[in-house]
Amino acid sequence: MIHDFSKKNSIFQTFIAELRDTEIQKDSMRFRRNLERVSEILAYELSKELDYEHVEIDTPLGIANASLLKEQPILATILRAGLGMHLGLLNYFDSADSAFVSAYRKHTTLEDFDVYVEYLASPKIDDKILIISDPMLATGSSMAMVYKAMLRQGNPSRLIVVSAIATPDALEFLSKELPKSTVYYIGAIDKELTAQSYIVPGLGDAGDLAYGVKM
């Protein structure tokens, strides 16, 4: 199941547009905040598909009926670009545990590269809802490797992938690498992927724009 939020007009489109805009990108704080706002909206939308239980809440004047999440998900993200999106998700799932994975491309040529996972900090994820966020899904290789690394911590009951921008190539690749039941919440799907695996029009390097150019 792929939820593509570019198909509906809403304020969400403003935040995606600002993420792409080269002038607005000059303000790294604004860029980080837009990543956060995008993931807050996606968090709200995906929360509609989770399981709830009915409870009674004591108020100063009586009893109120409410529906609360049955369980908090595990929120995982890919360092460092995913931190902004992770914060947005954590703003909504504020009792969730977090997992952090370091993944990077190691190029053998300009066009060929392998993805390596160096670092993993995660709670146990057995029978938990696992949400993995990453701003960009270009080829899908990093997401696939991160999911496989997460399996060291157990087998989740459900997998949800959250991303600002993806390509059809990545989604096709992940359909073969991730569980068939995986649900995707995507801000926009850009059709072009260059020979160097950059998304066009995309938005550039999310990690550099959010946190400064790396060496």
N, C-alpha and C. Protein backbone atom coordinates (compact mmCIF):
# COMPACT_ATOMS: atom_id res chain seq x y z
N MET A 1 0.85 -1.18 0.00
CA MET A 1 0.00 0.00 0.00
C MET A 1 0.89 1.24 0.00
N ILE A 2 0.70 2.10 -1.00
CA ILE A 2 1.48 3.34 -1.10
C ILE A 2 0.53 4.52 -1.00
N HIS A 3 0.73 5.39 -0.01
CA HIS A 3 -0.02 6.63 0.13
C HIS A 3 0.84 7.76 -0.43
N ASP A 4 0.44 8.31 -1.56
CA ASP A 4 1.17 9.39 -2.22
C ASP A 4 0.44 10.71 -1.96
N PHE A 5 1.01 11.56 -1.11
CA PHE A 5 0.32 12.76 -0.68
C PHE A 5 0.44 13.93 -1.66
N SER A 6 1.12 13.70 -2.78
CA SER A 6 1.18 14.73 -3.81
C SER A 6 -0.10 14.76 -4.64
N LYS A 7 -0.95 13.77 -4.46
CA LYS A 7 -2.17 13.67 -5.27
C LYS A 7 -3.32 14.50 -4.72
N LYS A 8 -3.14 15.07 -3.52
CA LYS A 8 -4.20 15.87 -2.93
C LYS A 8 -3.67 17.25 -2.57
N ASN A 9 -4.47 18.28 -2.84
CA ASN A 9 -4.08 19.64 -2.48
C ASN A 9 -4.32 19.88 -1.00
N SER A 10 -3.28 20.36 -0.33
CA SER A 10 -3.38 20.72 1.09
C SER A 10 -2.17 21.57 1.44
N ILE A 11 -2.12 22.07 2.66
CA ILE A 11 -0.96 22.85 3.12
C ILE A 11 0.30 22.01 3.08
N PHE A 12 0.15 20.70 3.09
CA PHE A 12 1.29 19.80 2.99
C PHE A 12 2.13 20.12 1.76
N GLN A 13 1.47 20.46 0.64
CA GLN A 13 2.19 20.76 -0.59
C GLN A 13 3.10 21.98 -0.44
N THR A 14 2.70 22.92 0.42
CA THR A 14 3.54 24.09 0.67
C THR A 14 4.86 23.67 1.31
N PHE A 15 4.79 22.76 2.25
CA PHE A 15 6.01 22.33 2.95
C PHE A 15 6.94 21.56 2.02
N ILE A 16 6.37 20.72 1.15
CA ILE A 16 7.19 20.01 0.16
C ILE A 16 7.82 21.00 -0.81
N ALA A 17 7.06 21.99 -1.24
CA ALA A 17 7.59 23.01 -2.16
C ALA A 17 8.74 23.78 -1.53
N GLU A 18 8.60 24.11 -0.26
CA GLU A 18 9.67 24.85 0.43
C GLU A 18 10.91 23.98 0.61
N LEU A 19 10.73 22.69 0.83
CA LEU A 19 11.88 21.78 0.92
C LEU A 19 12.68 21.78 -0.37
N ARG A 20 11.99 21.93 -1.50
CA ARG A 20 12.64 21.88 -2.81
C ARG A 20 13.26 23.23 -3.21
N ASP A 21 12.74 24.32 -2.72
CA ASP A 21 13.08 25.67 -3.19
C ASP A 21 14.52 26.04 -2.81
N THR A 22 15.35 26.33 -3.81
CA THR A 22 16.77 26.60 -3.55
C THR A 22 16.98 27.85 -2.70
N GLU A 23 16.09 28.83 -2.79
CA GLU A 23 16.23 30.05 -1.99
C GLU A 23 15.91 29.77 -0.53
N ILE A 24 14.81 29.05 -0.30
CA ILE A 24 14.41 28.74 1.08
C ILE A 24 15.39 27.76 1.71
N GLN A 25 16.01 26.91 0.88
CA GLN A 25 16.99 25.95 1.39
C GLN A 25 18.21 26.62 2.02
N LYS A 26 18.44 27.89 1.71
CA LYS A 26 19.59 28.60 2.28
C LYS A 26 19.44 28.77 3.79
N ASP A 27 18.22 28.67 4.28
CA ASP A 27 17.94 28.75 5.72
C ASP A 27 17.83 27.32 6.25
N SER A 28 18.91 26.80 6.83
CA SER A 28 18.91 25.40 7.27
C SER A 28 17.89 25.14 8.38
N MET A 29 17.64 26.15 9.22
CA MET A 29 16.64 25.96 10.27
C MET A 29 15.25 25.78 9.65
N ARG A 30 14.96 26.56 8.62
CA ARG A 30 13.68 26.43 7.93
C ARG A 30 13.58 25.06 7.27
N PHE A 31 14.67 24.61 6.66
CA PHE A 31 14.67 23.30 6.01
C PHE A 31 14.38 22.21 7.04
N ARG A 32 15.06 22.26 8.19
CA ARG A 32 14.82 21.25 9.23
C ARG A 32 13.37 21.28 9.70
N ARG A 33 12.85 22.49 9.87
CA ARG A 33 11.47 22.62 10.35
C ARG A 33 10.48 22.07 9.33
N ASN A 34 10.76 22.28 8.03
CA ASN A 34 9.87 21.74 7.01
C ASN A 34 9.91 20.22 6.98
N LEU A 35 11.08 19.63 7.16
CA LEU A 35 11.16 18.17 7.29
C LEU A 35 10.31 17.70 8.46
N GLU A 36 10.41 18.44 9.54
CA GLU A 36 9.65 18.09 10.75
C GLU A 36 8.15 18.20 10.49
N ARG A 37 7.73 19.28 9.84
CA ARG A 37 6.30 19.48 9.58
C ARG A 37 5.75 18.42 8.62
N VAL A 38 6.52 18.09 7.60
CA VAL A 38 6.10 17.03 6.68
C VAL A 38 5.86 15.73 7.43
N SER A 39 6.79 15.37 8.30
CA SER A 39 6.64 14.09 9.01
C SER A 39 5.56 14.16 10.09
N GLU A 40 5.29 15.35 10.62
CA GLU A 40 4.17 15.47 11.57
C GLU A 40 2.84 15.16 10.87
N ILE A 41 2.68 15.69 9.67
CA ILE A 41 1.44 15.43 8.93
C ILE A 41 1.34 13.95 8.56
N LEU A 42 2.45 13.37 8.12
CA LEU A 42 2.43 11.95 7.77
C LEU A 42 2.18 11.09 9.01
N ALA A 43 2.71 11.53 10.16
CA ALA A 43 2.45 10.81 11.42
C ALA A 43 0.95 10.82 11.74
N TYR A 44 0.34 11.97 11.58
CA TYR A 44 -1.11 12.07 11.83
C TYR A 44 -1.89 11.15 10.89
N GLU A 45 -1.52 11.18 9.61
CA GLU A 45 -2.23 10.37 8.63
C GLU A 45 -2.07 8.87 8.91
N LEU A 46 -0.86 8.43 9.20
CA LEU A 46 -0.67 6.99 9.44
C LEU A 46 -1.29 6.55 10.75
N SER A 47 -1.45 7.49 11.68
CA SER A 47 -2.05 7.12 12.97
C SER A 47 -3.49 6.65 12.80
N LYS A 48 -4.13 7.04 11.70
CA LYS A 48 -5.52 6.62 11.46
C LYS A 48 -5.63 5.12 11.21
N GLU A 49 -4.51 4.51 10.81
CA GLU A 49 -4.53 3.09 10.46
C GLU A 49 -4.07 2.19 11.60
N LEU A 50 -3.74 2.78 12.74
CA LEU A 50 -3.27 1.98 13.88
C LEU A 50 -4.44 1.51 14.72
N ASP A 51 -4.16 0.69 15.71
CA ASP A 51 -5.21 0.11 16.54
C ASP A 51 -5.41 0.93 17.81
N TYR A 52 -6.69 1.07 18.21
CA TYR A 52 -7.03 1.89 19.37
C TYR A 52 -7.88 1.08 20.35
N GLU A 53 -7.90 1.56 21.58
CA GLU A 53 -8.77 0.96 22.59
C GLU A 53 -9.56 2.07 23.27
N HIS A 54 -10.78 1.74 23.64
CA HIS A 54 -11.65 2.72 24.28
C HIS A 54 -11.39 2.72 25.79
N VAL A 55 -11.23 3.91 26.33
CA VAL A 55 -10.97 4.06 27.77
C VAL A 55 -11.84 5.19 28.32
N GLU A 56 -11.94 5.22 29.64
CA GLU A 56 -12.63 6.32 30.31
C GLU A 56 -11.61 7.19 31.01
N ILE A 57 -11.76 8.49 30.83
CA ILE A 57 -10.82 9.47 31.39
C ILE A 57 -11.54 10.31 32.42
N ASP A 58 -10.94 10.45 33.60
CA ASP A 58 -11.49 11.34 34.62
C ASP A 58 -11.19 12.79 34.27
N THR A 59 -12.20 13.61 34.20
CA THR A 59 -12.03 15.05 34.01
C THR A 59 -12.46 15.76 35.30
N PRO A 60 -12.19 17.04 35.44
CA PRO A 60 -12.62 17.75 36.65
C PRO A 60 -14.13 17.71 36.88
N LEU A 61 -14.90 17.43 35.80
CA LEU A 61 -16.36 17.50 35.94
C LEU A 61 -17.06 16.19 35.63
N GLY A 62 -16.31 15.13 35.38
CA GLY A 62 -16.99 13.88 35.07
C GLY A 62 -16.09 12.88 34.39
N ILE A 63 -16.70 12.02 33.59
CA ILE A 63 -16.00 10.96 32.87
C ILE A 63 -16.14 11.19 31.37
N ALA A 64 -15.02 11.12 30.65
CA ALA A 64 -15.04 11.27 29.20
C ALA A 64 -14.59 9.97 28.56
N ASN A 65 -15.24 9.59 27.47
CA ASN A 65 -14.81 8.44 26.69
C ASN A 65 -13.74 8.87 25.69
N ALA A 66 -12.74 8.03 25.54
CA ALA A 66 -11.64 8.36 24.62
C ALA A 66 -11.12 7.11 23.95
N SER A 67 -10.47 7.30 22.80
CA SER A 67 -9.80 6.20 22.10
C SER A 67 -8.31 6.48 22.11
N LEU A 68 -7.54 5.56 22.67
CA LEU A 68 -6.10 5.73 22.78
C LEU A 68 -5.39 4.60 22.04
N LEU A 69 -4.19 4.90 21.56
CA LEU A 69 -3.40 3.88 20.88
C LEU A 69 -3.21 2.66 21.79
N LYS A 70 -3.38 1.48 21.20
CA LYS A 70 -3.13 0.27 21.97
C LYS A 70 -1.65 0.10 22.28
N GLU A 71 -0.80 0.50 21.32
CA GLU A 71 0.63 0.40 21.53
C GLU A 71 1.35 1.51 20.79
N GLN A 72 2.46 1.93 21.33
CA GLN A 72 3.31 2.92 20.67
C GLN A 72 4.23 2.20 19.69
N PRO A 73 4.47 2.80 18.53
CA PRO A 73 5.40 2.18 17.58
C PRO A 73 6.85 2.38 18.00
N ILE A 74 7.74 1.68 17.34
CA ILE A 74 9.17 1.96 17.41
C ILE A 74 9.50 2.88 16.24
N LEU A 75 10.13 4.00 16.51
CA LEU A 75 10.49 4.96 15.46
C LEU A 75 11.97 4.82 15.13
N ALA A 76 12.26 4.42 13.92
CA ALA A 76 13.65 4.25 13.48
C ALA A 76 13.94 5.24 12.37
N THR A 77 15.17 5.74 12.33
CA THR A 77 15.55 6.63 11.25
C THR A 77 17.00 6.39 10.85
N ILE A 78 17.33 6.89 9.65
CA ILE A 78 18.66 6.70 9.08
C ILE A 78 19.47 7.98 9.28
N LEU A 79 20.59 7.87 10.00
CA LEU A 79 21.44 9.03 10.26
C LEU A 79 22.15 9.45 8.98
N ARG A 80 22.37 10.77 8.82
CA ARG A 80 21.92 11.84 9.66
C ARG A 80 20.70 12.56 9.11
N ALA A 81 20.45 12.34 7.80
CA ALA A 81 19.39 13.07 7.10
C ALA A 81 18.01 12.83 7.72
N GLY A 82 17.81 11.65 8.30
CA GLY A 82 16.49 11.32 8.82
C GLY A 82 16.13 11.96 10.14
N LEU A 83 17.06 12.66 10.77
CA LEU A 83 16.80 13.19 12.11
C LEU A 83 15.63 14.17 12.14
N GLY A 84 15.53 15.02 11.11
CA GLY A 84 14.44 15.99 11.07
C GLY A 84 13.08 15.31 11.00
N MET A 85 12.98 14.30 10.16
CA MET A 85 11.72 13.57 10.05
C MET A 85 11.44 12.78 11.33
N HIS A 86 12.49 12.24 11.92
CA HIS A 86 12.33 11.49 13.16
C HIS A 86 11.72 12.38 14.25
N LEU A 87 12.19 13.61 14.34
CA LEU A 87 11.67 14.52 15.36
C LEU A 87 10.19 14.79 15.12
N GLY A 88 9.80 14.97 13.86
CA GLY A 88 8.38 15.20 13.58
C GLY A 88 7.52 14.03 14.00
N LEU A 89 7.96 12.82 13.71
CA LEU A 89 7.22 11.63 14.14
C LEU A 89 7.17 11.53 15.66
N LEU A 90 8.28 11.85 16.29
CA LEU A 90 8.35 11.76 17.75
C LEU A 90 7.48 12.83 18.42
N ASN A 91 7.27 13.94 17.74
CA ASN A 91 6.36 14.97 18.27
C ASN A 91 4.95 14.42 18.44
N TYR A 92 4.56 13.48 17.57
CA TYR A 92 3.21 12.92 17.64
C TYR A 92 3.16 11.61 18.41
N PHE A 93 4.12 10.74 18.17
CA PHE A 93 4.20 9.49 18.94
C PHE A 93 5.20 9.72 20.07
N ASP A 94 4.81 10.56 21.02
CA ASP A 94 5.78 11.09 21.98
C ASP A 94 6.16 10.12 23.09
N SER A 95 5.52 8.97 23.13
CA SER A 95 5.92 7.94 24.10
C SER A 95 6.64 6.77 23.43
N ALA A 96 6.93 6.92 22.14
CA ALA A 96 7.56 5.83 21.39
C ALA A 96 9.04 5.71 21.71
N ASP A 97 9.57 4.51 21.62
CA ASP A 97 11.01 4.30 21.69
C ASP A 97 11.62 4.57 20.31
N SER A 98 12.91 4.89 20.31
CA SER A 98 13.58 5.27 19.08
C SER A 98 14.72 4.32 18.74
N ALA A 99 14.98 4.22 17.44
CA ALA A 99 16.12 3.46 16.94
C ALA A 99 16.84 4.32 15.90
N PHE A 100 18.18 4.21 15.89
CA PHE A 100 19.00 5.01 14.98
C PHE A 100 19.98 4.09 14.25
N VAL A 101 20.03 4.29 12.94
CA VAL A 101 20.90 3.46 12.10
C VAL A 101 21.74 4.37 11.22
N SER A 102 23.03 4.09 11.15
CA SER A 102 23.92 4.83 10.27
C SER A 102 24.15 4.02 9.00
N ALA A 103 23.76 4.59 7.86
CA ALA A 103 23.96 3.93 6.56
C ALA A 103 24.56 4.94 5.59
N TYR A 104 25.45 4.48 4.74
CA TYR A 104 26.07 5.40 3.79
C TYR A 104 26.41 4.68 2.50
N ARG A 105 26.53 5.49 1.43
CA ARG A 105 26.95 4.96 0.13
C ARG A 105 28.47 4.95 0.04
N LYS A 106 29.04 3.86 -0.42
CA LYS A 106 30.46 3.80 -0.73
C LYS A 106 30.59 3.57 -2.23
N HIS A 107 31.04 4.62 -2.93
CA HIS A 107 31.10 4.57 -4.39
C HIS A 107 32.35 3.82 -4.86
N THR A 108 32.16 2.94 -5.82
CA THR A 108 33.29 2.31 -6.51
C THR A 108 33.59 3.08 -7.80
N THR A 109 32.56 3.64 -8.41
CA THR A 109 32.69 4.58 -9.52
C THR A 109 31.66 5.67 -9.28
N LEU A 110 31.61 6.65 -10.18
CA LEU A 110 30.64 7.74 -10.02
C LEU A 110 29.22 7.21 -9.99
N GLU A 111 28.98 6.14 -10.75
CA GLU A 111 27.62 5.64 -10.88
C GLU A 111 27.34 4.39 -10.04
N ASP A 112 28.37 3.67 -9.62
CA ASP A 112 28.17 2.43 -8.87
C ASP A 112 28.55 2.62 -7.41
N PHE A 113 27.73 2.05 -6.53
CA PHE A 113 28.02 2.17 -5.10
C PHE A 113 27.39 1.01 -4.35
N ASP A 114 27.92 0.75 -3.16
CA ASP A 114 27.33 -0.19 -2.23
C ASP A 114 26.87 0.59 -1.00
N VAL A 115 25.87 0.04 -0.32
CA VAL A 115 25.36 0.67 0.90
C VAL A 115 25.86 -0.12 2.10
N TYR A 116 26.42 0.60 3.08
CA TYR A 116 26.95 -0.03 4.28
C TYR A 116 26.22 0.49 5.52
N VAL A 117 25.94 -0.40 6.44
CA VAL A 117 25.38 -0.02 7.74
C VAL A 117 26.48 -0.14 8.77
N GLU A 118 26.79 0.99 9.45
CA GLU A 118 27.91 1.02 10.40
C GLU A 118 27.47 0.93 11.85
N TYR A 119 26.31 1.48 12.16
CA TYR A 119 25.93 1.68 13.56
C TYR A 119 24.44 1.42 13.72
N LEU A 120 24.06 0.76 14.80
CA LEU A 120 22.66 0.48 15.09
C LEU A 120 22.43 0.58 16.59
N ALA A 121 21.51 1.43 16.98
CA ALA A 121 21.08 1.54 18.38
C ALA A 121 19.56 1.40 18.39
N SER A 122 19.08 0.31 18.97
CA SER A 122 17.64 0.03 18.87
C SER A 122 17.18 -0.80 20.06
N PRO A 123 15.92 -0.58 20.48
CA PRO A 123 15.31 -1.51 21.43
C PRO A 123 14.90 -2.78 20.69
N LYS A 124 14.41 -3.76 21.42
CA LYS A 124 13.85 -4.95 20.79
C LYS A 124 12.59 -4.56 20.01
N ILE A 125 12.42 -5.14 18.84
CA ILE A 125 11.28 -4.78 18.00
C ILE A 125 10.34 -5.96 17.75
N ASP A 126 10.54 -7.07 18.45
CA ASP A 126 9.67 -8.23 18.28
C ASP A 126 8.20 -7.84 18.50
N ASP A 127 7.37 -8.17 17.51
CA ASP A 127 5.92 -7.95 17.59
C ASP A 127 5.54 -6.49 17.80
N LYS A 128 6.41 -5.59 17.41
CA LYS A 128 6.15 -4.15 17.51
C LYS A 128 5.86 -3.57 16.13
N ILE A 129 5.14 -2.44 16.10
CA ILE A 129 4.99 -1.68 14.87
C ILE A 129 6.27 -0.89 14.65
N LEU A 130 6.91 -1.09 13.53
CA LEU A 130 8.17 -0.41 13.22
C LEU A 130 7.93 0.62 12.13
N ILE A 131 8.27 1.87 12.41
CA ILE A 131 8.18 2.95 11.44
C ILE A 131 9.60 3.42 11.14
N ILE A 132 10.01 3.31 9.87
CA ILE A 132 11.35 3.77 9.47
C ILE A 132 11.18 5.00 8.60
N SER A 133 11.88 6.07 8.95
CA SER A 133 11.80 7.32 8.19
C SER A 133 13.13 7.64 7.52
N ASP A 134 13.03 8.20 6.32
CA ASP A 134 14.18 8.66 5.56
C ASP A 134 13.66 9.69 4.56
N PRO A 135 14.24 10.89 4.50
CA PRO A 135 13.68 11.92 3.62
C PRO A 135 13.61 11.51 2.15
N MET A 136 14.62 10.75 1.67
CA MET A 136 14.70 10.45 0.26
C MET A 136 14.81 8.94 0.04
N LEU A 137 13.97 8.42 -0.84
CA LEU A 137 14.10 7.03 -1.29
C LEU A 137 14.46 7.09 -2.77
N ALA A 138 15.76 7.06 -3.06
CA ALA A 138 16.22 7.17 -4.45
C ALA A 138 16.22 5.80 -5.12
N THR A 139 17.11 4.93 -4.65
CA THR A 139 17.14 3.55 -5.18
C THR A 139 16.43 2.58 -4.24
N GLY A 140 16.30 2.96 -2.96
CA GLY A 140 15.71 2.07 -1.97
C GLY A 140 16.72 1.18 -1.28
N SER A 141 17.98 1.24 -1.72
CA SER A 141 19.00 0.33 -1.17
C SER A 141 19.25 0.58 0.31
N SER A 142 19.34 1.84 0.70
CA SER A 142 19.60 2.15 2.12
C SER A 142 18.46 1.66 3.00
N MET A 143 17.23 1.89 2.57
CA MET A 143 16.08 1.44 3.36
C MET A 143 16.07 -0.07 3.51
N ALA A 144 16.37 -0.78 2.43
CA ALA A 144 16.39 -2.25 2.49
C ALA A 144 17.47 -2.74 3.45
N MET A 145 18.66 -2.14 3.38
CA MET A 145 19.75 -2.55 4.26
C MET A 145 19.44 -2.24 5.71
N VAL A 146 18.82 -1.08 5.95
CA VAL A 146 18.47 -0.71 7.32
C VAL A 146 17.42 -1.67 7.88
N TYR A 147 16.45 -2.02 7.09
CA TYR A 147 15.44 -2.97 7.58
C TYR A 147 16.09 -4.30 7.95
N LYS A 148 16.98 -4.78 7.11
CA LYS A 148 17.66 -6.04 7.40
C LYS A 148 18.50 -5.94 8.67
N ALA A 149 19.13 -4.78 8.87
CA ALA A 149 19.90 -4.57 10.10
C ALA A 149 18.98 -4.56 11.32
N MET A 150 17.79 -3.97 11.18
CA MET A 150 16.85 -3.91 12.29
C MET A 150 16.37 -5.29 12.71
N LEU A 151 16.38 -6.24 11.80
CA LEU A 151 15.91 -7.58 12.13
C LEU A 151 16.80 -8.27 13.15
N ARG A 152 18.00 -7.73 13.39
CA ARG A 152 18.84 -8.25 14.48
C ARG A 152 18.15 -8.06 15.83
N GLN A 153 17.23 -7.10 15.88
CA GLN A 153 16.54 -6.78 17.14
C GLN A 153 15.18 -7.44 17.25
N GLY A 154 14.83 -8.30 16.28
CA GLY A 154 13.56 -9.01 16.33
C GLY A 154 12.77 -8.83 15.06
N ASN A 155 11.57 -9.39 15.06
CA ASN A 155 10.68 -9.32 13.90
C ASN A 155 9.47 -8.47 14.24
N PRO A 156 9.33 -7.32 13.56
CA PRO A 156 8.19 -6.45 13.87
C PRO A 156 6.87 -7.03 13.38
N SER A 157 5.80 -6.62 14.00
CA SER A 157 4.46 -7.08 13.58
C SER A 157 4.01 -6.35 12.32
N ARG A 158 4.43 -5.09 12.18
CA ARG A 158 4.07 -4.29 11.02
C ARG A 158 5.23 -3.38 10.67
N LEU A 159 5.36 -3.06 9.38
CA LEU A 159 6.40 -2.14 8.92
C LEU A 159 5.75 -1.00 8.14
N ILE A 160 6.10 0.22 8.53
CA ILE A 160 5.63 1.43 7.85
C ILE A 160 6.85 2.25 7.46
N VAL A 161 6.91 2.68 6.21
CA VAL A 161 8.01 3.51 5.71
C VAL A 161 7.48 4.91 5.45
N VAL A 162 8.20 5.90 5.97
CA VAL A 162 7.81 7.31 5.83
C VAL A 162 8.93 8.06 5.11
N SER A 163 8.59 8.78 4.04
CA SER A 163 9.60 9.50 3.28
C SER A 163 8.99 10.74 2.65
N ALA A 164 9.81 11.80 2.52
CA ALA A 164 9.34 13.03 1.88
C ALA A 164 9.22 12.84 0.38
N ILE A 165 10.26 12.27 -0.24
CA ILE A 165 10.28 12.10 -1.69
C ILE A 165 10.83 10.72 -2.03
N ALA A 166 10.18 10.06 -2.98
CA ALA A 166 10.62 8.73 -3.42
C ALA A 166 10.56 8.67 -4.94
N THR A 167 11.14 7.61 -5.48
CA THR A 167 11.05 7.35 -6.92
C THR A 167 10.31 6.04 -7.15
N PRO A 168 9.73 5.87 -8.34
CA PRO A 168 9.12 4.58 -8.66
C PRO A 168 10.14 3.44 -8.60
N ASP A 169 11.41 3.74 -8.97
CA ASP A 169 12.47 2.72 -8.91
C ASP A 169 12.64 2.20 -7.49
N ALA A 170 12.69 3.12 -6.53
CA ALA A 170 12.87 2.72 -5.13
C ALA A 170 11.68 1.91 -4.64
N LEU A 171 10.48 2.37 -4.96
CA LEU A 171 9.30 1.66 -4.47
C LEU A 171 9.18 0.27 -5.10
N GLU A 172 9.57 0.15 -6.36
CA GLU A 172 9.57 -1.15 -7.01
C GLU A 172 10.60 -2.08 -6.38
N PHE A 173 11.79 -1.55 -6.12
CA PHE A 173 12.85 -2.33 -5.48
C PHE A 173 12.42 -2.79 -4.09
N LEU A 174 11.85 -1.86 -3.31
CA LEU A 174 11.47 -2.19 -1.94
C LEU A 174 10.31 -3.17 -1.90
N SER A 175 9.48 -3.18 -2.93
CA SER A 175 8.37 -4.14 -2.96
C SER A 175 8.89 -5.58 -2.97
N LYS A 176 10.14 -5.75 -3.40
CA LYS A 176 10.75 -7.07 -3.45
C LYS A 176 11.62 -7.35 -2.23
N GLU A 177 12.08 -6.29 -1.56
CA GLU A 177 13.03 -6.44 -0.45
C GLU A 177 12.38 -6.37 0.92
N LEU A 178 11.26 -5.70 1.02
CA LEU A 178 10.57 -5.55 2.31
C LEU A 178 9.33 -6.43 2.32
N PRO A 179 8.75 -6.66 3.50
CA PRO A 179 7.54 -7.49 3.57
C PRO A 179 6.43 -6.96 2.66
N LYS A 180 5.66 -7.86 2.09
CA LYS A 180 4.59 -7.48 1.17
C LYS A 180 3.56 -6.58 1.85
N SER A 181 3.43 -6.70 3.16
CA SER A 181 2.44 -5.93 3.90
C SER A 181 2.91 -4.51 4.25
N THR A 182 4.14 -4.15 3.86
CA THR A 182 4.67 -2.83 4.19
C THR A 182 3.78 -1.72 3.63
N VAL A 183 3.56 -0.69 4.44
CA VAL A 183 2.77 0.46 4.02
C VAL A 183 3.70 1.66 3.90
N TYR A 184 3.54 2.43 2.82
CA TYR A 184 4.42 3.57 2.54
C TYR A 184 3.61 4.87 2.61
N TYR A 185 4.15 5.85 3.33
CA TYR A 185 3.58 7.19 3.38
C TYR A 185 4.61 8.13 2.77
N ILE A 186 4.30 8.62 1.56
CA ILE A 186 5.26 9.36 0.75
C ILE A 186 4.73 10.75 0.44
N GLY A 187 5.58 11.77 0.63
CA GLY A 187 5.16 13.13 0.33
C GLY A 187 4.98 13.39 -1.14
N ALA A 188 5.90 12.88 -1.96
CA ALA A 188 5.83 13.06 -3.41
C ALA A 188 6.64 11.96 -4.07
N ILE A 189 6.23 11.59 -5.28
CA ILE A 189 6.96 10.58 -6.05
C ILE A 189 7.49 11.25 -7.32
N ASP A 190 8.82 11.34 -7.43
CA ASP A 190 9.48 11.94 -8.59
C ASP A 190 9.94 10.83 -9.53
N LYS A 191 9.64 10.96 -10.80
CA LYS A 191 9.84 9.85 -11.73
C LYS A 191 11.27 9.66 -12.19
N GLU A 192 12.10 10.71 -12.15
CA GLU A 192 13.43 10.60 -12.75
C GLU A 192 14.50 10.28 -11.70
N LEU A 193 15.38 9.35 -12.05
CA LEU A 193 16.55 8.99 -11.25
C LEU A 193 17.76 9.03 -12.17
N THR A 194 18.76 9.84 -11.81
CA THR A 194 19.92 9.98 -12.68
C THR A 194 20.81 8.74 -12.61
N ALA A 195 21.81 8.71 -13.49
CA ALA A 195 22.76 7.60 -13.51
C ALA A 195 23.54 7.51 -12.21
N GLN A 196 23.65 8.65 -11.51
CA GLN A 196 24.35 8.67 -10.21
C GLN A 196 23.38 8.43 -9.04
N SER A 197 22.14 8.07 -9.36
CA SER A 197 21.10 7.75 -8.37
C SER A 197 20.68 8.96 -7.55
N TYR A 198 20.54 10.09 -8.22
CA TYR A 198 19.97 11.28 -7.60
C TYR A 198 18.57 11.50 -8.15
N ILE A 199 17.67 11.93 -7.27
CA ILE A 199 16.27 12.14 -7.65
C ILE A 199 16.13 13.49 -8.34
N VAL A 200 15.39 13.52 -9.46
CA VAL A 200 15.09 14.75 -10.19
C VAL A 200 13.57 14.89 -10.29
N PRO A 201 12.98 16.05 -9.90
CA PRO A 201 13.68 17.25 -9.43
C PRO A 201 14.22 17.15 -8.00
N GLY A 202 13.63 16.28 -7.20
CA GLY A 202 14.17 16.04 -5.85
C GLY A 202 14.29 17.31 -5.03
N LEU A 203 15.33 17.34 -4.18
CA LEU A 203 15.57 18.54 -3.38
C LEU A 203 17.05 18.71 -3.05
N GLY A 204 17.91 17.83 -3.55
CA GLY A 204 19.32 17.90 -3.21
C GLY A 204 19.66 16.93 -2.09
N ASP A 205 20.73 17.21 -1.38
CA ASP A 205 21.19 16.36 -0.27
C ASP A 205 20.53 16.83 1.02
N ALA A 206 19.57 16.08 1.51
CA ALA A 206 18.81 16.48 2.69
C ALA A 206 19.71 16.64 3.93
N GLY A 207 20.68 15.74 4.09
CA GLY A 207 21.57 15.82 5.24
C GLY A 207 22.39 17.09 5.22
N ASP A 208 22.96 17.43 4.06
CA ASP A 208 23.76 18.65 3.94
C ASP A 208 22.91 19.90 4.16
N LEU A 209 21.71 19.91 3.60
CA LEU A 209 20.85 21.08 3.72
C LEU A 209 20.38 21.29 5.17
N ALA A 210 20.22 20.21 5.89
CA ALA A 210 19.75 20.32 7.27
C ALA A 210 20.87 20.60 8.26
N TYR A 211 22.07 20.01 8.02
CA TYR A 211 23.10 20.03 9.05
C TYR A 211 24.47 20.51 8.58
N GLY A 212 24.58 20.93 7.32
CA GLY A 212 25.86 21.43 6.82
C GLY A 212 26.55 20.41 5.94
N VAL A 213 27.39 20.90 5.04
CA VAL A 213 28.08 20.03 4.09
C VAL A 213 29.09 19.16 4.82
N LYS A 214 29.04 17.85 4.54
CA LYS A 214 29.96 16.92 5.19
C LYS A 214 31.24 16.81 4.38
N MET A 215 32.30 16.39 5.05
CA MET A 215 33.60 16.22 4.38
C MET A 215 33.64 14.86 3.70
